[in-house]
Amino acid sequence: MLNYRSRKISHRFYDEIVKVMLLLWPQKKPEPDTQCRV
């Protein structure tokens, strides 16, 4: 139960990070290393 709950929270946290990254991505110049990772 605790594990499921923590995974759910981390998933929401990850979604928030993705949203922020998508918002900030166009403003930043794409770096080769970062592009390769994504």
C-alpha atoms as a PDB file:
ATOM      1  CA  MET A   1       0.000   0.000   0.000  1.00  0.00           C
ATOM      2  CA  LEU A   2       2.731   2.406   0.964  1.00  0.00           C
ATOM      3  CA  ASN A   3       4.746   1.469  -2.093  1.00  0.00           C
ATOM      4  CA  TYR A   4       1.772   2.035  -4.402  1.00  0.00           C
ATOM      5  CA  ARG A   5       1.075   5.380  -2.797  1.00  0.00           C
ATOM      6  CA  SER A   6       4.659   6.577  -3.095  1.00  0.00           C
ATOM      7  CA  ARG A   7       4.780   5.451  -6.729  1.00  0.00           C
ATOM      8  CA  LYS A   8       1.603   7.395  -7.454  1.00  0.00           C
ATOM      9  CA  ILE A   9       3.036  10.531  -5.867  1.00  0.00           C
ATOM     10  CA  SER A  10       6.312  10.210  -7.756  1.00  0.00           C
ATOM     11  CA  HIS A  11       4.351   9.727 -10.988  1.00  0.00           C
ATOM     12  CA  ARG A  12       2.428  12.966 -10.399  1.00  0.00           C
ATOM     13  CA  PHE A  13       5.686  14.712  -9.556  1.00  0.00           C
ATOM     14  CA  TYR A  14       7.208  13.406 -12.790  1.00  0.00           C
ATOM     15  CA  ASP A  15       4.216  14.685 -14.784  1.00  0.00           C
ATOM     16  CA  GLU A  16       4.669  18.149 -13.266  1.00  0.00           C
ATOM     17  CA  ILE A  17       8.353  18.141 -14.214  1.00  0.00           C
ATOM     18  CA  VAL A  18       7.491  17.127 -17.774  1.00  0.00           C
ATOM     19  CA  LYS A  19       4.976  19.977 -18.046  1.00  0.00           C
ATOM     20  CA  VAL A  20       7.530  22.511 -16.825  1.00  0.00           C
ATOM     21  CA  MET A  21      10.207  21.136 -19.153  1.00  0.00           C
ATOM     22  CA  LEU A  22       7.863  21.329 -22.129  1.00  0.00           C
ATOM     23  CA  LEU A  23       7.072  24.939 -21.240  1.00  0.00           C
ATOM     24  CA  LEU A  24      10.728  25.910 -20.841  1.00  0.00           C
ATOM     25  CA  TRP A  25      12.096  23.831 -23.721  1.00  0.00           C
ATOM     26  CA  PRO A  26      11.250  26.264 -26.608  1.00  0.00           C
ATOM     27  CA  GLN A  27      13.018  29.092 -24.748  1.00  0.00           C
ATOM     28  CA  LYS A  28      16.263  27.136 -24.447  1.00  0.00           C
ATOM     29  CA  LYS A  29      18.581  26.362 -27.329  1.00  0.00           C
ATOM     30  CA  PRO A  30      18.700  22.589 -27.910  1.00  0.00           C
ATOM     31  CA  GLU A  31      22.030  21.130 -26.820  1.00  0.00           C
ATOM     32  CA  PRO A  32      23.380  18.038 -28.635  1.00  0.00           C
ATOM     33  CA  ASP A  33      23.864  16.134 -25.368  1.00  0.00           C
ATOM     34  CA  THR A  34      20.370  16.914 -24.103  1.00  0.00           C
ATOM     35  CA  GLN A  35      18.793  16.093 -27.462  1.00  0.00           C
ATOM     36  CA  CYS A  36      20.625  12.773 -27.541  1.00  0.00           C
ATOM     37  CA  ARG A  37      19.286  11.846 -24.105  1.00  0.00           C
ATOM     38  CA  VAL A  38      15.698  12.705 -25.003  1.00  0.00           C
END
